[in-house]
Amino acid sequence: MSKICVPVKTVNGVGWGDLSVFCLTHEVVGETVTLLDQNFTFAGGHRVRKYKFKKNVHFKVPQGTALDISKVSAGPAPRKQGQT
């Protein structure tokens, strides 16, 4: 499995993964999505919506994002093919 490093931004003493370094728009999926706060105050006093995603949560990796594959195993060598 490849990896993406996400910078962590501290806002009011809480760490938040900053996905905005990849692009401005994100697609996120989860089995359950709940709106926690319609007017959540974030960094710089910006008002944002705060959601809670539960179970099977993923986000779509933006096209062109560099992936770290340095720890991915090469897998088995291909088998020799017989001549026909």
PDB file of N, CA and C in Angstrom:
ATOM      1  N   MET A   1       0.848  -1.172   0.000  1.00  0.00           N
ATOM      2  CA  MET A   1       0.000   0.000   0.000  1.00  0.00           C
ATOM      3  C   MET A   1       0.895   1.236   0.000  1.00  0.00           C
ATOM      4  N   SER A   2       0.636   2.184  -0.863  1.00  0.00           N
ATOM      5  CA  SER A   2       1.422   3.416  -0.908  1.00  0.00           C
ATOM      6  C   SER A   2       0.929   4.392   0.155  1.00  0.00           C
ATOM      7  N   LYS A   3       1.716   5.437   0.413  1.00  0.00           N
ATOM      8  CA  LYS A   3       1.396   6.380   1.482  1.00  0.00           C
ATOM      9  C   LYS A   3       1.397   7.808   0.976  1.00  0.00           C
ATOM     10  N   ILE A   4       0.629   8.638   1.645  1.00  0.00           N
ATOM     11  CA  ILE A   4       0.631  10.080   1.430  1.00  0.00           C
ATOM     12  C   ILE A   4       0.922  10.718   2.777  1.00  0.00           C
ATOM     13  N   CYS A   5       1.874  11.631   2.818  1.00  0.00           N
ATOM     14  CA  CYS A   5       2.168  12.366   4.048  1.00  0.00           C
ATOM     15  C   CYS A   5       1.305  13.615   4.080  1.00  0.00           C
ATOM     16  N   VAL A   6       0.594  13.806   5.176  1.00  0.00           N
ATOM     17  CA  VAL A   6      -0.296  14.953   5.331  1.00  0.00           C
ATOM     18  C   VAL A   6       0.235  15.831   6.457  1.00  0.00           C
ATOM     19  N   PRO A   7       0.482  17.119   6.170  1.00  0.00           N
ATOM     20  CA  PRO A   7       0.932  18.005   7.241  1.00  0.00           C
ATOM     21  C   PRO A   7      -0.175  18.216   8.273  1.00  0.00           C
ATOM     22  N   VAL A   8       0.219  18.397   9.523  1.00  0.00           N
ATOM     23  CA  VAL A   8      -0.749  18.612  10.600  1.00  0.00           C
ATOM     24  C   VAL A   8      -0.671  20.069  11.040  1.00  0.00           C
ATOM     25  N   LYS A   9      -1.824  20.708  11.062  1.00  0.00           N
ATOM     26  CA  LYS A   9      -1.946  22.114  11.464  1.00  0.00           C
ATOM     27  C   LYS A   9      -2.622  22.141  12.828  1.00  0.00           C
ATOM     28  N   THR A  10      -2.037  22.861  13.783  1.00  0.00           N
ATOM     29  CA  THR A  10      -2.640  22.961  15.110  1.00  0.00           C
ATOM     30  C   THR A  10      -3.529  24.201  15.167  1.00  0.00           C
ATOM     31  N   VAL A  11      -4.798  23.986  15.492  1.00  0.00           N
ATOM     32  CA  VAL A  11      -5.770  25.076  15.612  1.00  0.00           C
ATOM     33  C   VAL A  11      -6.416  24.963  16.985  1.00  0.00           C
ATOM     34  N   ASN A  12      -6.247  25.988  17.812  1.00  0.00           N
ATOM     35  CA  ASN A  12      -6.794  25.988  19.173  1.00  0.00           C
ATOM     36  C   ASN A  12      -6.360  24.752  19.963  1.00  0.00           C
ATOM     37  N   GLY A  13      -5.089  24.340  19.773  1.00  0.00           N
ATOM     38  CA  GLY A  13      -4.543  23.221  20.521  1.00  0.00           C
ATOM     39  C   GLY A  13      -4.916  21.847  19.994  1.00  0.00           C
ATOM     40  N   VAL A  14      -5.609  21.789  18.855  1.00  0.00           N
ATOM     41  CA  VAL A  14      -6.042  20.512  18.282  1.00  0.00           C
ATOM     42  C   VAL A  14      -5.347  20.318  16.939  1.00  0.00           C
ATOM     43  N   GLY A  15      -4.822  19.109  16.684  1.00  0.00           N
ATOM     44  CA  GLY A  15      -4.181  18.812  15.409  1.00  0.00           C
ATOM     45  C   GLY A  15      -5.202  18.441  14.343  1.00  0.00           C
ATOM     46  N   TRP A  16      -5.060  19.059  13.164  1.00  0.00           N
ATOM     47  CA  TRP A  16      -5.944  18.787  12.020  1.00  0.00           C
ATOM     48  C   TRP A  16      -5.074  18.463  10.805  1.00  0.00           C
ATOM     49  N   GLY A  17      -5.346  17.363  10.109  1.00  0.00           N
ATOM     50  CA  GLY A  17      -4.635  17.038   8.874  1.00  0.00           C
ATOM     51  C   GLY A  17      -5.038  18.028   7.791  1.00  0.00           C
ATOM     52  N   ASP A  18      -4.059  18.655   7.135  1.00  0.00           N
ATOM     53  CA  ASP A  18      -4.320  19.715   6.156  1.00  0.00           C
ATOM     54  C   ASP A  18      -4.329  19.155   4.735  1.00  0.00           C
ATOM     55  N   LEU A  19      -5.493  18.698   4.264  1.00  0.00           N
ATOM     56  CA  LEU A  19      -5.618  18.150   2.924  1.00  0.00           C
ATOM     57  C   LEU A  19      -5.564  19.228   1.845  1.00  0.00           C
ATOM     58  N   SER A  20      -5.701  20.492   2.230  1.00  0.00           N
ATOM     59  CA  SER A  20      -5.708  21.576   1.234  1.00  0.00           C
ATOM     60  C   SER A  20      -4.360  21.752   0.548  1.00  0.00           C
ATOM     61  N   VAL A  21      -3.305  21.101   1.046  1.00  0.00           N
ATOM     62  CA  VAL A  21      -2.008  21.186   0.374  1.00  0.00           C
ATOM     63  C   VAL A  21      -2.011  20.419  -0.951  1.00  0.00           C
ATOM     64  N   PHE A  22      -2.982  19.522  -1.146  1.00  0.00           N
ATOM     65  CA  PHE A  22      -3.056  18.729  -2.371  1.00  0.00           C
ATOM     66  C   PHE A  22      -3.916  19.397  -3.444  1.00  0.00           C
ATOM     67  N   CYS A  23      -5.057  19.922  -3.050  1.00  0.00           N
ATOM     68  CA  CYS A  23      -5.960  20.604  -3.978  1.00  0.00           C
ATOM     69  C   CYS A  23      -7.062  21.292  -3.160  1.00  0.00           C
ATOM     70  N   LEU A  24      -7.934  22.026  -3.836  1.00  0.00           N
ATOM     71  CA  LEU A  24      -8.984  22.771  -3.138  1.00  0.00           C
ATOM     72  C   LEU A  24     -10.273  21.969  -2.943  1.00  0.00           C
ATOM     73  N   THR A  25     -10.488  20.939  -3.754  1.00  0.00           N
ATOM     74  CA  THR A  25     -11.725  20.162  -3.690  1.00  0.00           C
ATOM     75  C   THR A  25     -11.400  18.711  -3.361  1.00  0.00           C
ATOM     76  N   HIS A  26     -12.172  18.122  -2.442  1.00  0.00           N
ATOM     77  CA  HIS A  26     -11.937  16.740  -2.025  1.00  0.00           C
ATOM     78  C   HIS A  26     -13.227  15.949  -2.045  1.00  0.00           C
ATOM     79  N   GLU A  27     -13.117  14.677  -2.405  1.00  0.00           N
ATOM     80  CA  GLU A  27     -14.235  13.745  -2.327  1.00  0.00           C
ATOM     81  C   GLU A  27     -13.940  12.792  -1.175  1.00  0.00           C
ATOM     82  N   VAL A  28     -14.867  12.724  -0.204  1.00  0.00           N
ATOM     83  CA  VAL A  28     -14.698  11.895   0.986  1.00  0.00           C
ATOM     84  C   VAL A  28     -15.908  10.975   1.081  1.00  0.00           C
ATOM     85  N   VAL A  29     -15.662   9.709   1.410  1.00  0.00           N
ATOM     86  CA  VAL A  29     -16.759   8.753   1.575  1.00  0.00           C
ATOM     87  C   VAL A  29     -16.717   8.151   2.971  1.00  0.00           C
ATOM     88  N   GLY A  30     -17.846   7.722   3.454  1.00  0.00           N
ATOM     89  CA  GLY A  30     -17.964   7.044   4.738  1.00  0.00           C
ATOM     90  C   GLY A  30     -19.349   6.431   4.842  1.00  0.00           C
ATOM     91  N   GLU A  31     -19.476   5.404   5.655  1.00  0.00           N
ATOM     92  CA  GLU A  31     -20.779   4.751   5.796  1.00  0.00           C
ATOM     93  C   GLU A  31     -21.778   5.637   6.526  1.00  0.00           C
ATOM     94  N   THR A  32     -21.288   6.424   7.491  1.00  0.00           N
ATOM     95  CA  THR A  32     -22.157   7.327   8.239  1.00  0.00           C
ATOM     96  C   THR A  32     -21.521   8.709   8.253  1.00  0.00           C
ATOM     97  N   VAL A  33     -22.283   9.731   7.882  1.00  0.00           N
ATOM     98  CA  VAL A  33     -21.803  11.114   7.905  1.00  0.00           C
ATOM     99  C   VAL A  33     -22.786  11.932   8.736  1.00  0.00           C
ATOM    100  N   THR A  34     -22.257  12.648   9.744  1.00  0.00           N
ATOM    101  CA  THR A  34     -23.094  13.437  10.644  1.00  0.00           C
ATOM    102  C   THR A  34     -22.575  14.869  10.699  1.00  0.00           C
ATOM    103  N   LEU A  35     -23.459  15.840  10.542  1.00  0.00           N
ATOM    104  CA  LEU A  35     -23.084  17.246  10.713  1.00  0.00           C
ATOM    105  C   LEU A  35     -23.013  17.531  12.200  1.00  0.00           C
ATOM    106  N   LEU A  36     -21.817  17.909  12.692  1.00  0.00           N
ATOM    107  CA  LEU A  36     -21.638  18.192  14.113  1.00  0.00           C
ATOM    108  C   LEU A  36     -21.845  19.665  14.452  1.00  0.00           C
ATOM    109  N   ASP A  37     -21.416  20.551  13.543  1.00  0.00           N
ATOM    110  CA  ASP A  37     -21.507  21.988  13.825  1.00  0.00           C
ATOM    111  C   ASP A  37     -21.640  22.738  12.504  1.00  0.00           C
ATOM    112  N   GLN A  38     -22.743  23.426  12.322  1.00  0.00           N
ATOM    113  CA  GLN A  38     -23.023  24.192  11.102  1.00  0.00           C
ATOM    114  C   GLN A  38     -22.101  25.407  10.967  1.00  0.00           C
ATOM    115  N   ASN A  39     -21.673  25.999  12.088  1.00  0.00           N
ATOM    116  CA  ASN A  39     -20.845  27.197  12.081  1.00  0.00           C
ATOM    117  C   ASN A  39     -19.622  27.033  12.983  1.00  0.00           C
ATOM    118  N   PHE A  40     -18.784  26.075  12.662  1.00  0.00           N
ATOM    119  CA  PHE A  40     -17.585  25.787  13.438  1.00  0.00           C
ATOM    120  C   PHE A  40     -16.533  26.854  13.132  1.00  0.00           C
ATOM    121  N   THR A  41     -15.948  27.456  14.157  1.00  0.00           N
ATOM    122  CA  THR A  41     -14.906  28.460  13.968  1.00  0.00           C
ATOM    123  C   THR A  41     -13.560  27.763  13.859  1.00  0.00           C
ATOM    124  N   PHE A  42     -12.892  27.997  12.717  1.00  0.00           N
ATOM    125  CA  PHE A  42     -11.612  27.341  12.447  1.00  0.00           C
ATOM    126  C   PHE A  42     -10.509  28.386  12.394  1.00  0.00           C
ATOM    127  N   ALA A  43      -9.359  28.026  11.872  1.00  0.00           N
ATOM    128  CA  ALA A  43      -8.180  28.893  11.825  1.00  0.00           C
ATOM    129  C   ALA A  43      -8.513  30.254  11.230  1.00  0.00           C
ATOM    130  N   GLY A  44      -8.035  31.300  11.871  1.00  0.00           N
ATOM    131  CA  GLY A  44      -8.240  32.651  11.367  1.00  0.00           C
ATOM    132  C   GLY A  44      -9.673  33.123  11.482  1.00  0.00           C
ATOM    133  N   GLY A  45     -10.492  32.448  12.286  1.00  0.00           N
ATOM    134  CA  GLY A  45     -11.882  32.839  12.459  1.00  0.00           C
ATOM    135  C   GLY A  45     -12.796  32.422  11.314  1.00  0.00           C
ATOM    136  N   HIS A  46     -12.291  31.580  10.408  1.00  0.00           N
ATOM    137  CA  HIS A  46     -13.118  31.119   9.286  1.00  0.00           C
ATOM    138  C   HIS A  46     -14.230  30.210   9.793  1.00  0.00           C
ATOM    139  N   ARG A  47     -15.427  30.423   9.278  1.00  0.00           N
ATOM    140  CA  ARG A  47     -16.567  29.562   9.612  1.00  0.00           C
ATOM    141  C   ARG A  47     -16.617  28.417   8.617  1.00  0.00           C
ATOM    142  N   VAL A  48     -16.614  27.204   9.129  1.00  0.00           N
ATOM    143  CA  VAL A  48     -16.682  26.008   8.293  1.00  0.00           C
ATOM    144  C   VAL A  48     -17.725  25.059   8.866  1.00  0.00           C
ATOM    145  N   ARG A  49     -18.095  24.043   8.126  1.00  0.00           N
ATOM    146  CA  ARG A  49     -18.989  22.996   8.631  1.00  0.00           C
ATOM    147  C   ARG A  49     -18.105  21.885   9.192  1.00  0.00           C
ATOM    148  N   LYS A  50     -18.483  21.341  10.320  1.00  0.00           N
ATOM    149  CA  LYS A  50     -17.731  20.245  10.941  1.00  0.00           C
ATOM    150  C   LYS A  50     -18.566  18.975  10.835  1.00  0.00           C
ATOM    151  N   TYR A  51     -17.991  17.957  10.195  1.00  0.00           N
ATOM    152  CA  TYR A  51     -18.678  16.690   9.996  1.00  0.00           C
ATOM    153  C   TYR A  51     -17.937  15.569  10.709  1.00  0.00           C
ATOM    154  N   LYS A  52     -18.652  14.507  11.010  1.00  0.00           N
ATOM    155  CA  LYS A  52     -18.046  13.296  11.566  1.00  0.00           C
ATOM    156  C   LYS A  52     -18.321  12.170  10.575  1.00  0.00           C
ATOM    157  N   PHE A  53     -17.240  11.535  10.096  1.00  0.00           N
ATOM    158  CA  PHE A  53     -17.358  10.399   9.199  1.00  0.00           C
ATOM    159  C   PHE A  53     -17.042   9.147  10.001  1.00  0.00           C
ATOM    160  N   LYS A  54     -17.854   8.108   9.817  1.00  0.00           N
ATOM    161  CA  LYS A  54     -17.668   6.886  10.601  1.00  0.00           C
ATOM    162  C   LYS A  54     -17.688   5.676   9.676  1.00  0.00           C
ATOM    163  N   LYS A  55     -16.819   4.723   9.937  1.00  0.00           N
ATOM    164  CA  LYS A  55     -16.720   3.439   9.254  1.00  0.00           C
ATOM    165  C   LYS A  55     -16.353   3.598   7.781  1.00  0.00           C
ATOM    166  N   ASN A  56     -15.293   2.936   7.387  1.00  0.00           N
ATOM    167  CA  ASN A  56     -14.893   2.854   5.987  1.00  0.00           C
ATOM    168  C   ASN A  56     -14.675   4.241   5.376  1.00  0.00           C
ATOM    169  N   VAL A  57     -13.951   5.112   6.080  1.00  0.00           N
ATOM    170  CA  VAL A  57     -13.735   6.495   5.644  1.00  0.00           C
ATOM    171  C   VAL A  57     -12.506   6.576   4.751  1.00  0.00           C
ATOM    172  N   HIS A  58     -12.680   7.161   3.570  1.00  0.00           N
ATOM    173  CA  HIS A  58     -11.599   7.337   2.607  1.00  0.00           C
ATOM    174  C   HIS A  58     -11.771   8.668   1.898  1.00  0.00           C
ATOM    175  N   PHE A  59     -10.662   9.195   1.361  1.00  0.00           N
ATOM    176  CA  PHE A  59     -10.775  10.355   0.494  1.00  0.00           C
ATOM    177  C   PHE A  59     -10.090  10.046  -0.825  1.00  0.00           C
ATOM    178  N   LYS A  60     -10.628  10.624  -1.899  1.00  0.00           N
ATOM    179  CA  LYS A  60     -10.095  10.389  -3.235  1.00  0.00           C
ATOM    180  C   LYS A  60      -8.765  11.118  -3.359  1.00  0.00           C
ATOM    181  N   VAL A  61      -7.721  10.396  -3.775  1.00  0.00           N
ATOM    182  CA  VAL A  61      -6.398  10.989  -3.935  1.00  0.00           C
ATOM    183  C   VAL A  61      -6.415  11.841  -5.206  1.00  0.00           C
ATOM    184  N   PRO A  62      -6.107  13.128  -5.064  1.00  0.00           N
ATOM    185  CA  PRO A  62      -6.120  14.007  -6.235  1.00  0.00           C
ATOM    186  C   PRO A  62      -5.106  13.550  -7.290  1.00  0.00           C
ATOM    187  N   GLN A  63      -5.494  13.661  -8.546  1.00  0.00           N
ATOM    188  CA  GLN A  63      -4.620  13.282  -9.646  1.00  0.00           C
ATOM    189  C   GLN A  63      -3.328  14.092  -9.591  1.00  0.00           C
ATOM    190  N   GLY A  64      -2.202  13.430  -9.785  1.00  0.00           N
ATOM    191  CA  GLY A  64      -0.909  14.105  -9.769  1.00  0.00           C
ATOM    192  C   GLY A  64      -0.242  14.146  -8.402  1.00  0.00           C
ATOM    193  N   THR A  65      -0.901  13.596  -7.364  1.00  0.00           N
ATOM    194  CA  THR A  65      -0.321  13.577  -6.026  1.00  0.00           C
ATOM    195  C   THR A  65       0.832  12.574  -5.979  1.00  0.00           C
ATOM    196  N   ALA A  66       1.973  13.013  -5.453  1.00  0.00           N
ATOM    197  CA  ALA A  66       3.136  12.127  -5.332  1.00  0.00           C
ATOM    198  C   ALA A  66       2.887  11.112  -4.220  1.00  0.00           C
ATOM    199  N   LEU A  67       3.067   9.841  -4.523  1.00  0.00           N
ATOM    200  CA  LEU A  67       2.870   8.773  -3.544  1.00  0.00           C
ATOM    201  C   LEU A  67       4.217   8.202  -3.144  1.00  0.00           C
ATOM    202  N   ASP A  68       4.352   7.849  -1.866  1.00  0.00           N
ATOM    203  CA  ASP A  68       5.580   7.242  -1.352  1.00  0.00           C
ATOM    204  C   ASP A  68       5.433   5.730  -1.447  1.00  0.00           C
ATOM    205  N   ILE A  69       6.174   5.121  -2.374  1.00  0.00           N
ATOM    206  CA  ILE A  69       6.104   3.667  -2.545  1.00  0.00           C
ATOM    207  C   ILE A  69       7.390   2.994  -2.068  1.00  0.00           C
ATOM    208  N   SER A  70       8.206   3.717  -1.298  1.00  0.00           N
ATOM    209  CA  SER A  70       9.502   3.192  -0.880  1.00  0.00           C
ATOM    210  C   SER A  70       9.391   1.957   0.009  1.00  0.00           C
ATOM    211  N   LYS A  71       8.325   1.774   0.736  1.00  0.00           N
ATOM    212  CA  LYS A  71       8.188   0.636   1.640  1.00  0.00           C
ATOM    213  C   LYS A  71       7.283  -0.463   1.072  1.00  0.00           C
ATOM    214  N   VAL A  72       6.890  -0.329  -0.196  1.00  0.00           N
ATOM    215  CA  VAL A  72       6.041  -1.332  -0.831  1.00  0.00           C
ATOM    216  C   VAL A  72       6.917  -2.468  -1.325  1.00  0.00           C
ATOM    217  N   SER A  73       6.573  -3.700  -0.949  1.00  0.00           N
ATOM    218  CA  SER A  73       7.390  -4.836  -1.373  1.00  0.00           C
ATOM    219  C   SER A  73       7.229  -5.063  -2.873  1.00  0.00           C
ATOM    220  N   ALA A  74       8.283  -5.579  -3.499  1.00  0.00           N
ATOM    221  CA  ALA A  74       8.290  -5.778  -4.946  1.00  0.00           C
ATOM    222  C   ALA A  74       7.387  -6.932  -5.370  1.00  0.00           C
ATOM    223  N   GLY A  75       7.121  -7.851  -4.491  1.00  0.00           N
ATOM    224  CA  GLY A  75       6.293  -8.998  -4.838  1.00  0.00           C
ATOM    225  C   GLY A  75       7.144 -10.106  -5.451  1.00  0.00           C
ATOM    226  N   PRO A  76       6.539 -11.248  -5.715  1.00  0.00           N
ATOM    227  CA  PRO A  76       7.305 -12.376  -6.242  1.00  0.00           C
ATOM    228  C   PRO A  76       7.766 -12.106  -7.679  1.00  0.00           C
ATOM    229  N   ALA A  77       8.887 -12.718  -8.052  1.00  0.00           N
ATOM    230  CA  ALA A  77       9.390 -12.598  -9.427  1.00  0.00           C
ATOM    231  C   ALA A  77       8.436 -13.322 -10.365  1.00  0.00           C
ATOM    232  N   PRO A  78       8.293 -12.838 -11.588  1.00  0.00           N
ATOM    233  CA  PRO A  78       7.383 -13.517 -12.516  1.00  0.00           C
ATOM    234  C   PRO A  78       7.893 -14.910 -12.870  1.00  0.00           C
ATOM    235  N   ARG A  79       6.971 -15.823 -13.090  1.00  0.00           N
ATOM    236  CA  ARG A  79       7.340 -17.188 -13.444  1.00  0.00           C
ATOM    237  C   ARG A  79       7.821 -17.223 -14.890  1.00  0.00           C
ATOM    238  N   LYS A  80       8.737 -18.128 -15.158  1.00  0.00           N
ATOM    239  CA  LYS A  80       9.211 -18.269 -16.531  1.00  0.00           C
ATOM    240  C   LYS A  80       8.086 -18.833 -17.387  1.00  0.00           C
ATOM    241  N   GLN A  81       7.988 -18.281 -18.573  1.00  0.00           N
ATOM    242  CA  GLN A  81       6.974 -18.769 -19.512  1.00  0.00           C
ATOM    243  C   GLN A  81       7.600 -19.839 -20.406  1.00  0.00           C
ATOM    244  N   GLY A  82       6.912 -20.921 -20.622  1.00  0.00           N
ATOM    245  CA  GLY A  82       7.396 -21.974 -21.529  1.00  0.00           C
ATOM    246  C   GLY A  82       7.267 -21.501 -22.976  1.00  0.00           C
ATOM    247  N   GLN A  83       8.153 -21.958 -23.825  1.00  0.00           N
ATOM    248  CA  GLN A  83       8.080 -21.582 -25.240  1.00  0.00           C
ATOM    249  C   GLN A  83       7.049 -22.446 -25.924  1.00  0.00           C
ATOM    250  N   THR A  84       6.330 -21.828 -26.846  1.00  0.00           N
ATOM    251  CA  THR A  84       5.316 -22.599 -27.592  1.00  0.00           C
ATOM    252  C   THR A  84       5.660 -22.683 -29.034  1.00  0.00           C
TER     253      THR A  84
END
